[in-house]
């Protein structure tokens, strides 16, 4: 079973968030893994969350099937990476 490089996964997720949400003048290094993504964090909104969910589904083949799960998973880069890594492990086992 292949190991998941969490640091690389988090970097990919940060790039995905920046590109999907079209955040100007920010790099992956500017995003703190545990920082909130919405409201007081990066200031993302509900449209951004929908676009990020679709991008995660496309890139990683993971599905956030309900709004409660999506709200939990999209709290921070840490929570997204944790969800994606667990889902990828399920897919390979």
PDB file of N, CA and C in Angstrom:
ATOM      1  N   UNK A   1       0.849  -1.181   0.000  1.00  0.00           N
ATOM      2  CA  UNK A   1       0.000   0.000   0.000  1.00  0.00           C
ATOM      3  C   UNK A   1       0.898   1.250   0.000  1.00  0.00           C
ATOM      4  N   UNK A   2       0.690   2.171  -0.920  1.00  0.00           N
ATOM      5  CA  UNK A   2       1.561   3.342  -1.004  1.00  0.00           C
ATOM      6  C   UNK A   2       1.348   4.302   0.164  1.00  0.00           C
ATOM      7  N   UNK A   3       2.452   4.847   0.650  1.00  0.00           N
ATOM      8  CA  UNK A   3       2.405   5.851   1.710  1.00  0.00           C
ATOM      9  C   UNK A   3       1.945   7.176   1.133  1.00  0.00           C
ATOM     10  N   UNK A   4       1.218   7.935   1.927  1.00  0.00           N
ATOM     11  CA  UNK A   4       0.791   9.264   1.506  1.00  0.00           C
ATOM     12  C   UNK A   4       1.707  10.281   2.176  1.00  0.00           C
ATOM     13  N   UNK A   5       2.341  11.116   1.375  1.00  0.00           N
ATOM     14  CA  UNK A   5       3.202  12.176   1.887  1.00  0.00           C
ATOM     15  C   UNK A   5       2.298  13.343   2.295  1.00  0.00           C
ATOM     16  N   UNK A   6       2.046  13.461   3.600  1.00  0.00           N
ATOM     17  CA  UNK A   6       1.098  14.462   4.099  1.00  0.00           C
ATOM     18  C   UNK A   6       1.575  15.878   3.800  1.00  0.00           C
ATOM     19  N   UNK A   7       2.864  16.134   3.921  1.00  0.00           N
ATOM     20  CA  UNK A   7       3.386  17.483   3.637  1.00  0.00           C
ATOM     21  C   UNK A   7       3.137  17.856   2.176  1.00  0.00           C
ATOM     22  N   UNK A   8       3.384  16.915   1.276  1.00  0.00           N
ATOM     23  CA  UNK A   8       3.150  17.165  -0.148  1.00  0.00           C
ATOM     24  C   UNK A   8       1.650  17.320  -0.423  1.00  0.00           C
ATOM     25  N   UNK A   9       0.840  16.491   0.219  1.00  0.00           N
ATOM     26  CA  UNK A   9      -0.608  16.587   0.060  1.00  0.00           C
ATOM     27  C   UNK A   9      -1.109  17.960   0.507  1.00  0.00           C
ATOM     28  N   UNK A  10      -0.635  18.435   1.645  1.00  0.00           N
ATOM     29  CA  UNK A  10      -1.051  19.757   2.138  1.00  0.00           C
ATOM     30  C   UNK A  10      -0.647  20.854   1.166  1.00  0.00           C
ATOM     31  N   UNK A  11       0.544  20.746   0.603  1.00  0.00           N
ATOM     32  CA  UNK A  11       0.996  21.749  -0.373  1.00  0.00           C
ATOM     33  C   UNK A  11       0.081  21.723  -1.613  1.00  0.00           C
ATOM     34  N   UNK A  12      -0.238  20.527  -2.093  1.00  0.00           N
ATOM     35  CA  UNK A  12      -1.147  20.397  -3.247  1.00  0.00           C
ATOM     36  C   UNK A  12      -2.507  21.014  -2.939  1.00  0.00           C
ATOM     37  N   UNK A  13      -3.008  20.771  -1.734  1.00  0.00           N
ATOM     38  CA  UNK A  13      -4.311  21.312  -1.336  1.00  0.00           C
ATOM     39  C   UNK A  13      -4.264  22.839  -1.283  1.00  0.00           C
ATOM     40  N   UNK A  14      -3.177  23.396  -0.772  1.00  0.00           N
ATOM     41  CA  UNK A  14      -3.038  24.855  -0.721  1.00  0.00           C
ATOM     42  C   UNK A  14      -3.039  25.445  -2.130  1.00  0.00           C
ATOM     43  N   UNK A  15      -2.321  24.813  -3.045  1.00  0.00           N
ATOM     44  CA  UNK A  15      -2.302  25.278  -4.441  1.00  0.00           C
ATOM     45  C   UNK A  15      -3.701  25.175  -5.026  1.00  0.00           C
ATOM     46  N   UNK A  16      -4.385  24.069  -4.758  1.00  0.00           N
ATOM     47  CA  UNK A  16      -5.746  23.879  -5.256  1.00  0.00           C
ATOM     48  C   UNK A  16      -6.671  24.985  -4.727  1.00  0.00           C
ATOM     49  N   UNK A  17      -6.564  25.311  -3.449  1.00  0.00           N
ATOM     50  CA  UNK A  17      -7.398  26.361  -2.854  1.00  0.00           C
ATOM     51  C   UNK A  17      -7.106  27.708  -3.500  1.00  0.00           C
ATOM     52  N   UNK A  18      -5.836  28.040  -3.653  1.00  0.00           N
ATOM     53  CA  UNK A  18      -5.448  29.324  -4.253  1.00  0.00           C
ATOM     54  C   UNK A  18      -5.960  29.429  -5.684  1.00  0.00           C
ATOM     55  N   UNK A  19      -5.749  28.372  -6.467  1.00  0.00           N
ATOM     56  CA  UNK A  19      -6.161  28.400  -7.879  1.00  0.00           C
ATOM     57  C   UNK A  19      -7.680  28.379  -8.025  1.00  0.00           C
ATOM     58  N   UNK A  20      -8.343  27.547  -7.247  1.00  0.00           N
ATOM     59  CA  UNK A  20      -9.797  27.412  -7.346  1.00  0.00           C
ATOM     60  C   UNK A  20     -10.506  28.683  -6.901  1.00  0.00           C
ATOM     61  N   UNK A  21     -10.016  29.276  -5.818  1.00  0.00           N
ATOM     62  CA  UNK A  21     -10.664  30.467  -5.251  1.00  0.00           C
ATOM     63  C   UNK A  21     -10.122  31.764  -5.827  1.00  0.00           C
ATOM     64  N   UNK A  22      -9.121  31.633  -6.710  1.00  0.00           N
ATOM     65  CA  UNK A  22      -8.523  32.801  -7.365  1.00  0.00           C
ATOM     66  C   UNK A  22      -8.098  33.873  -6.351  1.00  0.00           C
ATOM     67  N   UNK A  23      -7.352  33.436  -5.334  1.00  0.00           N
ATOM     68  CA  UNK A  23      -6.880  34.349  -4.299  1.00  0.00           C
ATOM     69  C   UNK A  23      -5.617  35.034  -4.814  1.00  0.00           C
ATOM     70  N   UNK A  24      -5.645  36.363  -4.945  1.00  0.00           N
ATOM     71  CA  UNK A  24      -4.457  37.072  -5.458  1.00  0.00           C
ATOM     72  C   UNK A  24      -3.392  37.248  -4.379  1.00  0.00           C
ATOM     73  N   UNK A  25      -2.161  37.348  -4.817  1.00  0.00           N
ATOM     74  CA  UNK A  25      -1.041  37.721  -3.946  1.00  0.00           C
ATOM     75  C   UNK A  25      -0.861  36.829  -2.729  1.00  0.00           C
ATOM     76  N   UNK A  26      -1.062  35.529  -2.898  1.00  0.00           N
ATOM     77  CA  UNK A  26      -0.841  34.594  -1.801  1.00  0.00           C
ATOM     78  C   UNK A  26      -0.149  33.350  -2.367  1.00  0.00           C
ATOM     79  N   UNK A  27       0.737  32.787  -1.573  1.00  0.00           N
ATOM     80  CA  UNK A  27       1.438  31.565  -1.967  1.00  0.00           C
ATOM     81  C   UNK A  27       1.054  30.450  -0.989  1.00  0.00           C
ATOM     82  N   UNK A  28       1.327  29.211  -1.346  1.00  0.00           N
ATOM     83  CA  UNK A  28       1.037  28.116  -0.410  1.00  0.00           C
ATOM     84  C   UNK A  28       1.711  28.319   0.956  1.00  0.00           C
ATOM     85  N   UNK A  29       2.903  28.910   0.956  1.00  0.00           N
ATOM     86  CA  UNK A  29       3.620  29.143   2.215  1.00  0.00           C
ATOM     87  C   UNK A  29       2.913  30.156   3.110  1.00  0.00           C
ATOM     88  N   UNK A  30       2.039  30.978   2.536  1.00  0.00           N
ATOM     89  CA  UNK A  30       1.307  31.976   3.312  1.00  0.00           C
ATOM     90  C   UNK A  30       0.130  31.379   4.085  1.00  0.00           C
ATOM     91  N   UNK A  31      -0.277  30.174   3.722  1.00  0.00           N
ATOM     92  CA  UNK A  31      -1.442  29.544   4.360  1.00  0.00           C
ATOM     93  C   UNK A  31      -0.954  28.634   5.484  1.00  0.00           C
ATOM     94  N   UNK A  32      -1.427  28.919   6.698  1.00  0.00           N
ATOM     95  CA  UNK A  32      -1.096  28.087   7.860  1.00  0.00           C
ATOM     96  C   UNK A  32      -2.017  26.867   7.838  1.00  0.00           C
ATOM     97  N   UNK A  33      -1.422  25.680   7.990  1.00  0.00           N
ATOM     98  CA  UNK A  33      -2.177  24.428   7.870  1.00  0.00           C
ATOM     99  C   UNK A  33      -3.419  24.389   8.763  1.00  0.00           C
ATOM    100  N   UNK A  34      -3.311  24.916   9.972  1.00  0.00           N
ATOM    101  CA  UNK A  34      -4.413  24.820  10.927  1.00  0.00           C
ATOM    102  C   UNK A  34      -5.339  26.040  10.909  1.00  0.00           C
ATOM    103  N   UNK A  35      -5.022  27.041  10.094  1.00  0.00           N
ATOM    104  CA  UNK A  35      -5.822  28.269  10.057  1.00  0.00           C
ATOM    105  C   UNK A  35      -7.176  28.024   9.401  1.00  0.00           C
ATOM    106  N   UNK A  36      -8.224  28.680   9.904  1.00  0.00           N
ATOM    107  CA  UNK A  36      -9.537  28.542   9.265  1.00  0.00           C
ATOM    108  C   UNK A  36      -9.506  29.082   7.844  1.00  0.00           C
ATOM    109  N   UNK A  37     -10.250  28.438   6.959  1.00  0.00           N
ATOM    110  CA  UNK A  37     -10.280  28.866   5.559  1.00  0.00           C
ATOM    111  C   UNK A  37     -11.377  29.879   5.283  1.00  0.00           C
ATOM    112  N   UNK A  38     -12.428  29.863   6.101  1.00  0.00           N
ATOM    113  CA  UNK A  38     -13.583  30.709   5.842  1.00  0.00           C
ATOM    114  C   UNK A  38     -13.683  31.823   6.869  1.00  0.00           C
ATOM    115  N   UNK A  39     -14.384  32.852   6.518  1.00  0.00           N
ATOM    116  CA  UNK A  39     -14.645  34.033   7.337  1.00  0.00           C
ATOM    117  C   UNK A  39     -13.340  34.649   7.829  1.00  0.00           C
ATOM    118  N   UNK A  40     -12.954  34.404   9.106  1.00  0.00           N
ATOM    119  CA  UNK A  40     -11.787  35.096   9.668  1.00  0.00           C
ATOM    120  C   UNK A  40     -10.457  34.594   9.123  1.00  0.00           C
ATOM    121  N   UNK A  41     -10.445  33.444   8.482  1.00  0.00           N
ATOM    122  CA  UNK A  41      -9.205  32.896   7.937  1.00  0.00           C
ATOM    123  C   UNK A  41      -8.872  33.552   6.611  1.00  0.00           C
ATOM    124  N   UNK A  42      -8.954  32.772   5.547  1.00  0.00           N
ATOM    125  CA  UNK A  42      -8.679  33.305   4.207  1.00  0.00           C
ATOM    126  C   UNK A  42      -9.843  34.128   3.667  1.00  0.00           C
ATOM    127  N   UNK A  43     -10.969  34.088   4.359  1.00  0.00           N
ATOM    128  CA  UNK A  43     -12.120  34.862   3.920  1.00  0.00           C
ATOM    129  C   UNK A  43     -12.886  34.232   2.765  1.00  0.00           C
ATOM    130  N   UNK A  44     -12.773  32.917   2.635  1.00  0.00           N
ATOM    131  CA  UNK A  44     -13.499  32.240   1.567  1.00  0.00           C
ATOM    132  C   UNK A  44     -14.995  32.233   1.876  1.00  0.00           C
ATOM    133  N   UNK A  45     -15.803  32.039   0.840  1.00  0.00           N
ATOM    134  CA  UNK A  45     -17.255  32.044   1.030  1.00  0.00           C
ATOM    135  C   UNK A  45     -17.870  30.738   0.518  1.00  0.00           C
ATOM    136  N   UNK A  46     -19.196  30.677   0.505  1.00  0.00           N
ATOM    137  CA  UNK A  46     -19.887  29.441   0.136  1.00  0.00           C
ATOM    138  C   UNK A  46     -19.637  29.040  -1.321  1.00  0.00           C
ATOM    139  N   UNK A  47     -19.476  30.017  -2.202  1.00  0.00           N
ATOM    140  CA  UNK A  47     -19.161  29.708  -3.606  1.00  0.00           C
ATOM    141  C   UNK A  47     -17.780  29.047  -3.680  1.00  0.00           C
ATOM    142  N   UNK A  48     -16.824  29.609  -2.925  1.00  0.00           N
ATOM    143  CA  UNK A  48     -15.478  29.008  -2.869  1.00  0.00           C
ATOM    144  C   UNK A  48     -15.552  27.580  -2.358  1.00  0.00           C
ATOM    145  N   UNK A  49     -16.368  27.346  -1.324  1.00  0.00           N
ATOM    146  CA  UNK A  49     -16.440  25.994  -0.760  1.00  0.00           C
ATOM    147  C   UNK A  49     -16.955  25.003  -1.792  1.00  0.00           C
ATOM    148  N   UNK A  50     -17.957  25.392  -2.552  1.00  0.00           N
ATOM    149  CA  UNK A  50     -18.490  24.520  -3.594  1.00  0.00           C
ATOM    150  C   UNK A  50     -17.425  24.218  -4.649  1.00  0.00           C
ATOM    151  N   UNK A  51     -16.704  25.241  -5.064  1.00  0.00           N
ATOM    152  CA  UNK A  51     -15.645  25.048  -6.069  1.00  0.00           C
ATOM    153  C   UNK A  51     -14.522  24.169  -5.527  1.00  0.00           C
ATOM    154  N   UNK A  52     -14.175  24.334  -4.257  1.00  0.00           N
ATOM    155  CA  UNK A  52     -13.120  23.512  -3.653  1.00  0.00           C
ATOM    156  C   UNK A  52     -13.577  22.052  -3.564  1.00  0.00           C
ATOM    157  N   UNK A  53     -14.833  21.825  -3.169  1.00  0.00           N
ATOM    158  CA  UNK A  53     -15.368  20.461  -3.108  1.00  0.00           C
ATOM    159  C   UNK A  53     -15.270  19.799  -4.483  1.00  0.00           C
ATOM    160  N   UNK A  54     -15.682  20.507  -5.518  1.00  0.00           N
ATOM    161  CA  UNK A  54     -15.618  19.952  -6.877  1.00  0.00           C
ATOM    162  C   UNK A  54     -14.176  19.682  -7.297  1.00  0.00           C
ATOM    163  N   UNK A  55     -13.259  20.586  -6.947  1.00  0.00           N
ATOM    164  CA  UNK A  55     -11.847  20.394  -7.294  1.00  0.00           C
ATOM    165  C   UNK A  55     -11.259  19.189  -6.556  1.00  0.00           C
ATOM    166  N   UNK A  56     -11.624  19.020  -5.285  1.00  0.00           N
ATOM    167  CA  UNK A  56     -11.147  17.862  -4.516  1.00  0.00           C
ATOM    168  C   UNK A  56     -11.675  16.565  -5.117  1.00  0.00           C
ATOM    169  N   UNK A  57     -12.941  16.568  -5.525  1.00  0.00           N
ATOM    170  CA  UNK A  57     -13.520  15.381  -6.153  1.00  0.00           C
ATOM    171  C   UNK A  57     -12.792  15.055  -7.445  1.00  0.00           C
ATOM    172  N   UNK A  58     -12.515  16.073  -8.234  1.00  0.00           N
ATOM    173  CA  UNK A  58     -11.852  15.874  -9.519  1.00  0.00           C
ATOM    174  C   UNK A  58     -10.415  15.395  -9.341  1.00  0.00           C
ATOM    175  N   UNK A  59      -9.674  16.042  -8.450  1.00  0.00           N
ATOM    176  CA  UNK A  59      -8.249  15.741  -8.295  1.00  0.00           C
ATOM    177  C   UNK A  59      -7.995  14.442  -7.535  1.00  0.00           C
ATOM    178  N   UNK A  60      -8.761  14.212  -6.460  1.00  0.00           N
ATOM    179  CA  UNK A  60      -8.466  13.078  -5.578  1.00  0.00           C
ATOM    180  C   UNK A  60      -9.517  11.969  -5.607  1.00  0.00           C
ATOM    181  N   UNK A  61     -10.632  12.195  -6.297  1.00  0.00           N
ATOM    182  CA  UNK A  61     -11.671  11.174  -6.362  1.00  0.00           C
ATOM    183  C   UNK A  61     -12.402  10.966  -5.049  1.00  0.00           C
ATOM    184  N   UNK A  62     -12.387  11.980  -4.174  1.00  0.00           N
ATOM    185  CA  UNK A  62     -13.092  11.883  -2.895  1.00  0.00           C
ATOM    186  C   UNK A  62     -14.433  12.592  -3.019  1.00  0.00           C
ATOM    187  N   UNK A  63     -15.390  12.151  -2.206  1.00  0.00           N
ATOM    188  CA  UNK A  63     -16.731  12.732  -2.295  1.00  0.00           C
ATOM    189  C   UNK A  63     -17.182  13.239  -0.935  1.00  0.00           C
ATOM    190  N   UNK A  64     -17.595  14.484  -0.911  1.00  0.00           N
ATOM    191  CA  UNK A  64     -18.186  15.097   0.279  1.00  0.00           C
ATOM    192  C   UNK A  64     -19.686  15.112   0.020  1.00  0.00           C
ATOM    193  N   UNK A  65     -20.346  14.069   0.481  1.00  0.00           N
ATOM    194  CA  UNK A  65     -21.720  13.811   0.080  1.00  0.00           C
ATOM    195  C   UNK A  65     -22.784  14.675   0.755  1.00  0.00           C
ATOM    196  N   UNK A  66     -22.439  15.338   1.843  1.00  0.00           N
ATOM    197  CA  UNK A  66     -23.441  16.193   2.476  1.00  0.00           C
ATOM    198  C   UNK A  66     -22.803  17.454   3.035  1.00  0.00           C
ATOM    199  N   UNK A  67     -23.630  18.442   3.302  1.00  0.00           N
ATOM    200  CA  UNK A  67     -23.112  19.751   3.697  1.00  0.00           C
ATOM    201  C   UNK A  67     -22.467  19.722   5.076  1.00  0.00           C
ATOM    202  N   UNK A  68     -22.949  18.884   5.990  1.00  0.00           N
ATOM    203  CA  UNK A  68     -22.325  18.799   7.314  1.00  0.00           C
ATOM    204  C   UNK A  68     -20.907  18.253   7.214  1.00  0.00           C
ATOM    205  N   UNK A  69     -20.733  17.213   6.402  1.00  0.00           N
ATOM    206  CA  UNK A  69     -19.398  16.650   6.192  1.00  0.00           C
ATOM    207  C   UNK A  69     -18.494  17.687   5.529  1.00  0.00           C
ATOM    208  N   UNK A  70     -18.989  18.356   4.505  1.00  0.00           N
ATOM    209  CA  UNK A  70     -18.196  19.367   3.810  1.00  0.00           C
ATOM    210  C   UNK A  70     -17.790  20.487   4.760  1.00  0.00           C
ATOM    211  N   UNK A  71     -18.713  20.939   5.589  1.00  0.00           N
ATOM    212  CA  UNK A  71     -18.420  22.018   6.535  1.00  0.00           C
ATOM    213  C   UNK A  71     -17.311  21.590   7.501  1.00  0.00           C
ATOM    214  N   UNK A  72     -17.349  20.332   7.953  1.00  0.00           N
ATOM    215  CA  UNK A  72     -16.322  19.816   8.852  1.00  0.00           C
ATOM    216  C   UNK A  72     -14.973  19.696   8.141  1.00  0.00           C
ATOM    217  N   UNK A  73     -14.980  19.094   6.958  1.00  0.00           N
ATOM    218  CA  UNK A  73     -13.737  18.834   6.231  1.00  0.00           C
ATOM    219  C   UNK A  73     -13.062  20.131   5.790  1.00  0.00           C
ATOM    220  N   UNK A  74     -13.839  21.123   5.376  1.00  0.00           N
ATOM    221  CA  UNK A  74     -13.275  22.354   4.819  1.00  0.00           C
ATOM    222  C   UNK A  74     -12.878  23.391   5.869  1.00  0.00           C
ATOM    223  N   UNK A  75     -12.708  22.983   7.107  1.00  0.00           N
ATOM    224  CA  UNK A  75     -12.315  23.920   8.156  1.00  0.00           C
ATOM    225  C   UNK A  75     -10.913  24.482   7.942  1.00  0.00           C
ATOM    226  N   UNK A  76      -9.975  23.625   7.540  1.00  0.00           N
ATOM    227  CA  UNK A  76      -8.574  24.040   7.399  1.00  0.00           C
ATOM    228  C   UNK A  76      -7.867  23.095   6.427  1.00  0.00           C
ATOM    229  N   UNK A  77      -6.648  23.437   6.077  1.00  0.00           N
ATOM    230  CA  UNK A  77      -5.842  22.550   5.234  1.00  0.00           C
ATOM    231  C   UNK A  77      -5.618  21.226   5.965  1.00  0.00           C
ATOM    232  N   UNK A  78      -5.403  21.292   7.284  1.00  0.00           N
ATOM    233  CA  UNK A  78      -5.209  20.069   8.071  1.00  0.00           C
ATOM    234  C   UNK A  78      -6.402  19.124   7.947  1.00  0.00           C
ATOM    235  N   UNK A  79      -7.628  19.666   8.098  1.00  0.00           N
ATOM    236  CA  UNK A  79      -8.807  18.798   8.055  1.00  0.00           C
ATOM    237  C   UNK A  79      -9.049  18.245   6.655  1.00  0.00           C
ATOM    238  N   UNK A  80      -8.747  19.038   5.633  1.00  0.00           N
ATOM    239  CA  UNK A  80      -8.888  18.547   4.254  1.00  0.00           C
ATOM    240  C   UNK A  80      -7.881  17.425   3.999  1.00  0.00           C
ATOM    241  N   UNK A  81      -6.625  17.643   4.387  1.00  0.00           N
ATOM    242  CA  UNK A  81      -5.574  16.643   4.156  1.00  0.00           C
ATOM    243  C   UNK A  81      -5.887  15.349   4.901  1.00  0.00           C
ATOM    244  N   UNK A  82      -6.394  15.466   6.121  1.00  0.00           N
ATOM    245  CA  UNK A  82      -6.752  14.283   6.904  1.00  0.00           C
ATOM    246  C   UNK A  82      -7.850  13.492   6.190  1.00  0.00           C
ATOM    247  N   UNK A  83      -8.878  14.192   5.723  1.00  0.00           N
ATOM    248  CA  UNK A  83      -9.981  13.538   5.024  1.00  0.00           C
ATOM    249  C   UNK A  83      -9.497  12.870   3.734  1.00  0.00           C
ATOM    250  N   UNK A  84      -8.748  13.612   2.925  1.00  0.00           N
ATOM    251  CA  UNK A  84      -8.279  13.075   1.643  1.00  0.00           C
ATOM    252  C   UNK A  84      -7.387  11.853   1.872  1.00  0.00           C
ATOM    253  N   UNK A  85      -6.468  11.935   2.829  1.00  0.00           N
ATOM    254  CA  UNK A  85      -5.559  10.806   3.057  1.00  0.00           C
ATOM    255  C   UNK A  85      -6.321   9.571   3.524  1.00  0.00           C
ATOM    256  N   UNK A  86      -7.318   9.745   4.410  1.00  0.00           N
ATOM    257  CA  UNK A  86      -8.109   8.593   4.870  1.00  0.00           C
ATOM    258  C   UNK A  86      -8.933   7.998   3.723  1.00  0.00           C
ATOM    259  N   UNK A  87      -9.506   8.850   2.891  1.00  0.00           N
ATOM    260  CA  UNK A  87     -10.290   8.360   1.760  1.00  0.00           C
ATOM    261  C   UNK A  87      -9.409   7.631   0.748  1.00  0.00           C
ATOM    262  N   UNK A  88      -8.220   8.165   0.492  1.00  0.00           N
ATOM    263  CA  UNK A  88      -7.303   7.511  -0.445  1.00  0.00           C
ATOM    264  C   UNK A  88      -6.869   6.151   0.083  1.00  0.00           C
ATOM    265  N   UNK A  89      -6.634   6.043   1.393  1.00  0.00           N
ATOM    266  CA  UNK A  89      -6.272   4.760   1.983  1.00  0.00           C
ATOM    267  C   UNK A  89      -7.405   3.753   1.840  1.00  0.00           C
ATOM    268  N   UNK A  90      -8.650   4.217   2.027  1.00  0.00           N
ATOM    269  CA  UNK A  90      -9.816   3.323   1.848  1.00  0.00           C
ATOM    270  C   UNK A  90      -9.876   2.814   0.415  1.00  0.00           C
ATOM    271  N   UNK A  91      -9.569   3.702  -0.532  1.00  0.00           N
ATOM    272  CA  UNK A  91      -9.653   3.333  -1.951  1.00  0.00           C
ATOM    273  C   UNK A  91      -8.591   2.310  -2.339  1.00  0.00           C
ATOM    274  N   UNK A  92      -7.444   2.322  -1.648  1.00  0.00           N
ATOM    275  CA  UNK A  92      -6.358   1.411  -2.011  1.00  0.00           C
ATOM    276  C   UNK A  92      -6.378   0.111  -1.220  1.00  0.00           C
ATOM    277  N   UNK A  93      -7.241   0.026  -0.217  1.00  0.00           N
ATOM    278  CA  UNK A  93      -7.259  -1.204   0.580  1.00  0.00           C
ATOM    279  C   UNK A  93      -8.358  -2.143   0.151  1.00  0.00           C
TER     280      UNK A  93
END
